[in-house]
Amino acid sequence: MASDTNWITLLASNDRRGGVAAPARKPPAELIWKATLGDAVRSSPVLRDGVLYVGCRDGRLYAFDVTNGRERWRYQAQAALHSTPSLSGSLVLFGADDGTVSAVDRASGLRRWQVEGAGEVWSSPTVYEDVVYFGSTGGEVTAVDRASGQLRWRRQMDARISSTAYVTEHRLFVGCGDGRLVALDRSTGKDIWVHRAADGIVASPAVDGGLVLVGSEDYFFYAVDTESGKVRWKIETGLGVTSSAAVSGGKVFFGGRDGYLYALAQSDGRELWKSRPMRAITAPPLAADGFVCVQSFYGSTQAFETDTGKELWRANLGGSVSSTPIVSAEAVYLATYPGVVYALR
C-alpha cells in the first residue's frame, strides 16, 4: 500500500491478507482464546497493532486484544453489520444495514464521522489518499472525504452493489448486481468502460497485471483488460462465483458455489489445480506464503499448498458465509457464522 491510510480493496490487498504479513506456519493445534458474540458474523475480521476488529449482525463492532481475547471496546451501530471493516490510519471504517458508513477511532472506539446513503452497505469501504469509496444495495457508489466524511461525489448505478470497489490512482472498478463490471473515473464517478456478464457480480474485483479479475453468478470467472474493458480470458465453473479472488505470485485463487477452490494461471486462465469438493465456497480465500486458506459454507477452514493444491491442514470450527481468516506469525484468527471468534496457534 502507498501509505498506512490507503486500503484499496477488500481486505487491503489482492492477496486478501488484511494488510498482515502471513508467513508459512504449522497447522493450528491449540486454542488461545475464543469469544462468543451476540449474533452471526457475515464479514471478515481485520487486525492491526495487536487489536482484532470484528463486525457482527448484532450491530456492534468489537475490538479484541489479540493476546487474551479481552474486549478493548465495542461500538454500537443502529443496524446489523455485514460490511468487513477497513483500516485507514487511526480510523476503522465500516458500513451498516441502515445505509450508513461510519469512521471510528481505532484506539478509543469513538465515532469521528458518519455518512448516510440508500440501501444496506454490505461492501467494505476502500480508501485511496484522502477519499473513501463505498457502494450500497440502493445502487449508489459514493465518494467522501476521509477526514470529515464530507461528500465528494455520488453516482446512482441503478443496480444493487454488494461488491467492494478496487481503487487505483485514476480508476475505480466495481461489480453490479445486474451483471455489469464498471470502470469509473475515481475523481468524478463517470463511466470509463462497462463489461456485461450474464448475471450479477457480487464478488469484489482484484486488479493486477493490467487485468480486472472477478467471478460472476453466470458461472464464469473473468479476466478483463483494465484499459479497454475487453475480456482477455474467462473460465466456466460448475455454479455461480461470489467468492472474491485472491491473487498472488501469478496465480488466481477463488471459491465456487460448486464447492471447489480453483487455482488459475493469471496470464491465461489455465487451471493449475482444483481442490476436492467442499461445501459451497462464498468467502474470499487468503493467499499467503506457500499456502492458500479458505473457509467453506458451514464447513471447515482449510489450507492448501499454492503450487500443488495439497491439503496442509484443516480446522473444523464452524463455517462462514463470507469470512476470511487472518493469519499472522503468532496466530490464526477466525470468525464463524454462528458468531464465535477463535484465536488458534
Protein backbone atom coordinates (compact mmCIF):
# COMPACT_ATOMS: atom_id res chain seq x y z
CA MET A 1 0.00 0.00 0.00
CA ALA A 2 1.14 3.53 -0.73
CA SER A 3 0.63 4.65 2.86
CA ASP A 4 -1.00 3.46 6.07
CA THR A 5 -4.14 5.37 5.08
CA ASN A 6 -4.65 3.54 1.77
CA TRP A 7 -6.92 0.46 1.80
CA ILE A 8 -7.57 -0.03 -1.89
CA THR A 9 -9.63 -3.22 -1.98
CA LEU A 10 -11.43 -5.78 0.17
CA LEU A 11 -9.03 -6.83 2.97
CA ALA A 12 -6.46 -4.24 1.85
CA SER A 13 -4.68 -6.05 -0.99
CA ASN A 14 -5.08 -8.60 -3.77
CA ASP A 15 -3.86 -11.42 -1.53
CA ARG A 16 -6.75 -10.70 0.93
CA ARG A 17 -4.39 -10.81 3.92
CA GLY A 18 -5.93 -7.76 5.55
CA GLY A 19 -2.63 -5.90 5.49
CA VAL A 20 -0.98 -8.58 7.65
CA ALA A 21 2.19 -10.43 6.67
CA ALA A 22 1.02 -14.05 6.53
CA PRO A 23 4.04 -16.36 6.91
CA ALA A 24 4.00 -20.07 6.26
CA ARG A 25 3.07 -21.78 9.50
CA LYS A 26 2.31 -25.14 11.04
CA PRO A 27 -1.28 -26.33 11.42
CA PRO A 28 -3.03 -24.61 14.33
CA ALA A 29 -3.22 -27.07 17.21
CA GLU A 30 -4.05 -25.00 20.27
CA LEU A 31 -6.86 -22.66 21.23
CA ILE A 32 -5.54 -19.37 22.63
CA TRP A 33 -8.95 -17.81 23.26
CA LYS A 34 -12.44 -17.56 21.86
CA ALA A 35 -15.23 -15.01 22.14
CA THR A 36 -18.94 -15.59 21.54
CA LEU A 37 -20.73 -12.59 20.05
CA GLY A 38 -24.40 -11.65 20.18
CA ASP A 39 -25.29 -12.76 16.64
CA ALA A 40 -23.86 -14.18 13.42
CA VAL A 41 -20.72 -12.86 11.70
CA ARG A 42 -21.09 -12.33 7.96
CA SER A 43 -17.83 -10.44 7.40
CA SER A 44 -14.08 -10.83 7.92
CA PRO A 45 -12.01 -9.71 10.90
CA VAL A 46 -9.12 -7.28 10.43
CA LEU A 47 -6.00 -6.90 12.55
CA ARG A 48 -3.64 -4.06 13.36
CA ASP A 49 -1.33 -3.19 16.26
CA GLY A 50 -2.44 -6.11 18.43
CA VAL A 51 -6.17 -5.45 18.07
CA LEU A 52 -8.66 -7.61 16.14
CA TYR A 53 -11.74 -5.78 14.81
CA VAL A 54 -14.90 -7.82 14.12
CA GLY A 55 -18.29 -6.63 12.87
CA CYS A 56 -21.41 -8.56 13.91
CA ARG A 57 -25.06 -8.77 12.95
CA ASP A 58 -25.92 -7.58 16.45
CA GLY A 59 -24.91 -4.12 15.20
CA ARG A 60 -21.68 -3.98 17.17
CA LEU A 61 -18.12 -3.51 16.03
CA TYR A 62 -15.87 -5.29 18.55
CA ALA A 63 -12.19 -4.59 19.27
CA PHE A 64 -10.36 -7.51 20.92
CA ASP A 65 -6.87 -7.66 22.41
CA VAL A 66 -5.26 -10.46 20.40
CA THR A 67 -3.13 -11.71 23.29
CA ASN A 68 -6.01 -12.68 25.57
CA GLY A 69 -9.29 -12.02 23.73
CA ARG A 70 -10.37 -9.29 26.13
CA GLU A 71 -12.65 -6.64 24.73
CA ARG A 72 -10.91 -3.28 24.33
CA TRP A 73 -14.13 -1.52 23.30
CA ARG A 74 -17.32 -2.01 21.33
CA TYR A 75 -19.17 0.41 19.09
CA GLN A 76 -22.95 0.09 18.80
CA ALA A 77 -24.37 0.89 15.36
CA GLN A 78 -28.08 1.31 14.70
CA ALA A 79 -28.38 -1.68 12.35
CA ALA A 80 -26.77 -5.04 11.59
CA LEU A 81 -23.22 -5.14 10.22
CA HIS A 82 -22.36 -7.22 7.15
CA SER A 83 -19.51 -4.96 6.00
CA THR A 84 -15.90 -6.07 6.53
CA PRO A 85 -14.10 -3.23 8.31
CA SER A 86 -11.29 -1.29 6.64
CA LEU A 87 -8.35 0.31 8.43
CA SER A 88 -7.02 3.72 7.41
CA GLY A 89 -4.55 5.48 9.67
CA SER A 90 -6.25 5.96 13.03
CA LEU A 91 -9.69 5.05 11.64
CA VAL A 92 -11.82 1.91 11.36
CA LEU A 93 -14.35 2.29 8.52
CA PHE A 94 -17.42 0.09 8.03
CA GLY A 95 -20.92 0.09 6.59
CA ALA A 96 -24.24 -0.89 8.19
CA ASP A 97 -27.61 -2.16 7.03
CA ASP A 98 -29.24 1.25 7.62
CA GLY A 99 -27.17 2.72 4.76
CA THR A 100 -24.61 4.47 6.94
CA VAL A 101 -20.84 4.33 6.75
CA SER A 102 -19.02 5.21 9.96
CA ALA A 103 -15.45 6.17 10.80
CA VAL A 104 -14.47 5.15 14.33
CA ASP A 105 -11.25 5.89 16.18
CA ARG A 106 -9.18 2.67 16.32
CA ALA A 107 -7.88 3.33 19.81
CA SER A 108 -11.00 4.57 21.61
CA GLY A 109 -13.97 3.28 19.60
CA LEU A 110 -15.41 6.82 19.44
CA ARG A 111 -17.12 7.87 16.21
CA ARG A 112 -15.34 10.52 14.13
CA TRP A 113 -17.99 10.88 11.44
CA GLN A 114 -20.91 9.12 9.77
CA VAL A 115 -22.43 9.47 6.30
CA GLU A 116 -25.85 8.24 5.14
CA GLY A 117 -26.80 6.59 1.88
CA ALA A 118 -29.51 4.48 0.23
CA GLY A 119 -29.88 0.77 0.98
CA GLU A 120 -27.66 -1.51 3.03
CA VAL A 121 -23.88 -1.13 2.86
CA TRP A 122 -22.58 -4.69 2.66
CA SER A 123 -19.43 -3.71 0.80
CA SER A 124 -16.23 -2.70 2.53
CA PRO A 125 -15.17 0.96 2.31
CA THR A 126 -11.98 1.44 0.31
CA VAL A 127 -9.55 4.32 0.68
CA TYR A 128 -7.17 6.00 -1.75
CA GLU A 129 -5.24 9.02 -0.49
CA ASP A 130 -7.83 11.28 1.18
CA VAL A 131 -11.05 9.76 -0.23
CA VAL A 132 -13.27 6.86 0.97
CA TYR A 133 -15.37 4.94 -1.59
CA PHE A 134 -18.27 2.54 -0.99
CA GLY A 135 -21.27 1.00 -2.75
CA SER A 136 -24.74 0.16 -1.44
CA THR A 137 -27.62 -2.15 -2.25
CA GLY A 138 -29.56 1.02 -3.10
CA GLY A 139 -27.36 1.28 -6.18
CA GLU A 140 -25.15 4.15 -5.11
CA VAL A 141 -21.40 4.47 -5.39
CA THR A 142 -20.28 7.23 -3.05
CA ALA A 143 -17.01 9.09 -2.50
CA VAL A 144 -16.46 11.05 0.73
CA ASP A 145 -13.59 12.89 2.38
CA ARG A 146 -11.56 10.58 4.64
CA ALA A 147 -11.01 13.17 7.37
CA SER A 148 -14.55 14.60 7.61
CA GLY A 149 -16.98 12.33 5.72
CA GLN A 150 -17.98 15.27 3.51
CA LEU A 151 -19.47 14.17 0.17
CA ARG A 152 -17.15 14.34 -2.85
CA TRP A 153 -19.48 12.72 -5.39
CA ARG A 154 -22.29 10.16 -5.60
CA ARG A 155 -23.30 8.03 -8.57
CA GLN A 156 -26.56 6.06 -8.98
CA MET A 157 -25.82 2.79 -10.82
CA ASP A 158 -29.44 1.50 -10.91
CA ALA A 159 -28.36 -1.91 -9.60
CA ARG A 160 -27.60 -3.43 -6.19
CA ILE A 161 -23.94 -3.15 -5.23
CA SER A 162 -22.51 -5.67 -2.76
CA SER A 163 -19.10 -5.72 -4.43
CA THR A 164 -16.24 -3.84 -2.77
CA ALA A 165 -14.57 -1.40 -5.13
CA TYR A 166 -10.93 -1.67 -6.15
CA VAL A 167 -9.39 1.81 -6.36
CA THR A 168 -6.30 2.89 -8.31
CA GLU A 169 -4.73 6.29 -8.92
CA HIS A 170 -7.22 7.18 -11.66
CA ARG A 171 -9.90 4.48 -11.70
CA LEU A 172 -12.41 2.62 -9.56
CA PHE A 173 -13.56 -0.90 -10.53
CA VAL A 174 -16.73 -2.41 -9.05
CA GLY A 175 -19.30 -5.12 -9.81
CA CYS A 176 -23.06 -4.58 -10.02
CA GLY A 177 -25.98 -6.88 -9.28
CA ASP A 178 -27.22 -6.63 -12.89
CA GLY A 179 -24.00 -8.17 -14.26
CA ARG A 180 -22.07 -5.02 -15.08
CA LEU A 181 -18.41 -4.66 -14.21
CA VAL A 182 -17.69 -0.95 -14.44
CA ALA A 183 -14.58 1.20 -14.51
CA LEU A 184 -15.31 4.69 -13.19
CA ASP A 185 -13.19 7.82 -13.11
CA ARG A 186 -12.00 7.99 -9.50
CA SER A 187 -12.32 11.77 -9.28
CA THR A 188 -15.78 12.17 -10.88
CA GLY A 189 -17.57 8.78 -10.87
CA LYS A 190 -18.17 8.90 -14.62
CA ASP A 191 -18.04 5.76 -16.77
CA ILE A 192 -14.79 4.81 -18.49
CA TRP A 193 -15.98 1.41 -19.69
CA VAL A 194 -18.59 -1.25 -18.93
CA HIS A 195 -18.31 -5.03 -19.27
CA ARG A 196 -21.55 -7.01 -19.09
CA ALA A 197 -21.73 -10.53 -17.64
CA ALA A 198 -24.87 -12.65 -17.99
CA ASP A 199 -25.70 -12.49 -14.26
CA GLY A 200 -24.84 -10.48 -11.16
CA ILE A 201 -21.34 -9.64 -9.93
CA VAL A 202 -21.34 -9.54 -6.14
CA ALA A 203 -17.70 -10.57 -5.71
CA SER A 204 -15.08 -7.88 -5.22
CA PRO A 205 -12.60 -7.48 -8.08
CA ALA A 206 -8.84 -7.87 -7.80
CA VAL A 207 -6.66 -5.82 -10.15
CA ASP A 208 -3.18 -6.93 -11.19
CA GLY A 209 -1.03 -7.04 -14.30
CA GLY A 210 -3.44 -4.98 -16.37
CA LEU A 211 -6.34 -7.31 -15.53
CA VAL A 212 -9.54 -6.95 -13.51
CA LEU A 213 -10.15 -10.42 -12.06
CA VAL A 214 -13.65 -11.28 -10.83
CA GLY A 215 -16.28 -14.02 -10.91
CA SER A 216 -19.98 -13.77 -11.70
CA GLU A 217 -23.14 -15.61 -10.80
CA ASP A 218 -23.30 -16.55 -14.51
CA TYR A 219 -20.85 -19.41 -13.62
CA PHE A 220 -17.86 -17.70 -15.29
CA PHE A 221 -14.70 -16.17 -13.90
CA TYR A 222 -13.38 -13.25 -15.96
CA ALA A 223 -10.09 -11.51 -16.64
CA VAL A 224 -10.95 -8.11 -18.15
CA ASP A 225 -8.43 -5.62 -19.57
CA THR A 226 -8.12 -2.62 -17.23
CA GLU A 227 -7.76 -0.15 -20.12
CA SER A 228 -10.33 -1.38 -22.65
CA GLY A 229 -12.83 -3.44 -20.64
CA LYS A 230 -12.44 -6.32 -23.11
CA VAL A 231 -12.33 -9.93 -21.88
CA ARG A 232 -8.80 -11.31 -22.05
CA TRP A 233 -9.84 -14.76 -20.84
CA LYS A 234 -12.66 -16.49 -18.98
CA ILE A 235 -13.29 -19.94 -17.49
CA GLU A 236 -16.55 -21.69 -16.66
CA THR A 237 -17.25 -23.20 -13.24
CA GLY A 238 -20.00 -25.56 -12.06
CA LEU A 239 -22.11 -22.87 -10.35
CA GLY A 240 -22.06 -19.15 -9.68
CA VAL A 241 -18.99 -17.38 -8.25
CA THR A 242 -19.49 -14.95 -5.37
CA SER A 243 -16.10 -15.55 -3.72
CA SER A 244 -13.73 -12.62 -4.23
CA ALA A 245 -10.46 -13.82 -5.76
CA ALA A 246 -7.07 -13.70 -4.04
CA VAL A 247 -4.17 -13.00 -6.39
CA SER A 248 -0.52 -13.68 -5.58
CA GLY A 249 2.59 -14.86 -7.39
CA GLY A 250 0.96 -15.07 -10.81
CA LYS A 251 -1.85 -17.26 -9.51
CA VAL A 252 -5.57 -16.54 -9.02
CA PHE A 253 -7.48 -18.35 -6.27
CA PHE A 254 -11.25 -18.29 -5.75
CA GLY A 255 -14.01 -20.49 -4.44
CA GLY A 256 -17.14 -21.54 -6.28
CA ARG A 257 -20.65 -22.36 -5.19
CA ASP A 258 -19.88 -25.75 -6.75
CA GLY A 259 -17.67 -26.40 -3.71
CA TYR A 260 -14.25 -26.23 -5.36
CA LEU A 261 -11.32 -23.96 -4.65
CA TYR A 262 -9.78 -23.04 -8.01
CA ALA A 263 -6.17 -22.11 -8.75
CA LEU A 264 -5.63 -20.50 -12.17
CA ALA A 265 -2.66 -19.07 -14.04
CA GLN A 266 -3.16 -15.31 -14.06
CA SER A 267 -1.68 -14.94 -17.55
CA ASP A 268 -4.15 -17.11 -19.46
CA GLY A 269 -6.66 -18.67 -17.03
CA ARG A 270 -5.24 -22.19 -17.22
CA GLU A 271 -6.42 -24.38 -14.36
CA LEU A 272 -3.39 -25.23 -12.24
CA TRP A 273 -5.33 -27.28 -9.72
CA LYS A 274 -8.73 -27.65 -8.15
CA SER A 275 -9.47 -28.84 -4.62
CA ARG A 276 -11.60 -31.79 -3.74
CA PRO A 277 -15.23 -30.72 -3.43
CA MET A 278 -16.21 -28.98 -0.20
CA ARG A 279 -19.41 -27.25 0.75
CA ALA A 280 -20.20 -24.17 -1.32
CA ILE A 281 -17.45 -21.53 -1.02
CA THR A 282 -18.63 -17.92 -0.94
CA ALA A 283 -15.84 -16.43 1.21
CA PRO A 284 -12.66 -14.94 -0.28
CA PRO A 285 -9.56 -17.11 0.14
CA LEU A 286 -6.34 -15.78 1.63
CA ALA A 287 -3.14 -16.24 -0.39
CA ALA A 288 -0.13 -16.45 1.93
CA ASP A 289 3.50 -17.55 1.60
CA GLY A 290 3.25 -21.04 0.14
CA PHE A 291 -0.35 -21.72 1.07
CA VAL A 292 -3.90 -20.56 0.38
CA CYS A 293 -6.55 -20.71 3.09
CA VAL A 294 -10.35 -20.62 2.79
CA GLN A 295 -13.49 -21.11 4.89
CA SER A 296 -16.31 -23.09 3.31
CA PHE A 297 -20.04 -22.61 3.81
CA TYR A 298 -20.99 -24.32 7.12
CA GLY A 299 -17.86 -26.41 6.74
CA SER A 300 -14.22 -26.20 7.69
CA THR A 301 -11.25 -23.89 7.34
CA GLN A 302 -8.63 -25.49 5.09
CA ALA A 303 -5.14 -24.60 3.90
CA PHE A 304 -3.61 -25.87 0.64
CA GLU A 305 -0.17 -25.67 -0.94
CA THR A 306 -0.28 -22.91 -3.56
CA ASP A 307 1.73 -24.88 -6.14
CA THR A 308 0.11 -28.31 -5.88
CA GLY A 309 -3.23 -27.93 -4.10
CA LYS A 310 -2.18 -30.50 -1.49
CA GLU A 311 -4.15 -30.06 1.73
CA LEU A 312 -1.89 -28.87 4.55
CA TRP A 313 -4.35 -28.58 7.43
CA ARG A 314 -7.97 -28.04 8.35
CA ALA A 315 -9.84 -26.68 11.35
CA ASN A 316 -13.45 -27.75 11.89
CA LEU A 317 -14.76 -24.88 13.97
CA GLY A 318 -17.89 -23.84 12.10
CA GLY A 319 -18.28 -22.48 8.62
CA SER A 320 -18.66 -18.97 7.35
CA VAL A 321 -20.62 -17.40 4.55
CA SER A 322 -18.18 -14.59 3.76
CA SER A 323 -15.36 -14.54 6.30
CA THR A 324 -11.65 -14.77 5.54
CA PRO A 325 -9.16 -15.87 8.22
CA ILE A 326 -6.40 -13.57 9.44
CA VAL A 327 -3.03 -15.36 9.55
CA SER A 328 -0.15 -13.79 11.47
CA ALA A 329 3.15 -15.07 12.81
CA GLU A 330 1.54 -15.52 16.22
CA ALA A 331 -1.89 -16.99 15.46
CA VAL A 332 -4.75 -17.72 13.08
CA TYR A 333 -7.90 -15.69 13.77
CA LEU A 334 -11.26 -16.98 12.56
CA ALA A 335 -14.76 -15.53 12.73
CA THR A 336 -17.53 -18.08 12.14
CA TYR A 337 -21.11 -17.73 11.03
CA PRO A 338 -22.54 -18.74 14.45
CA GLY A 339 -20.80 -15.69 15.91
CA VAL A 340 -17.75 -17.26 17.58
CA VAL A 341 -14.30 -15.71 17.13
CA TYR A 342 -11.29 -18.01 17.59
CA ALA A 343 -7.58 -17.39 18.07
CA LEU A 344 -5.50 -20.51 17.34
CA ARG A 345 -1.80 -21.33 17.27
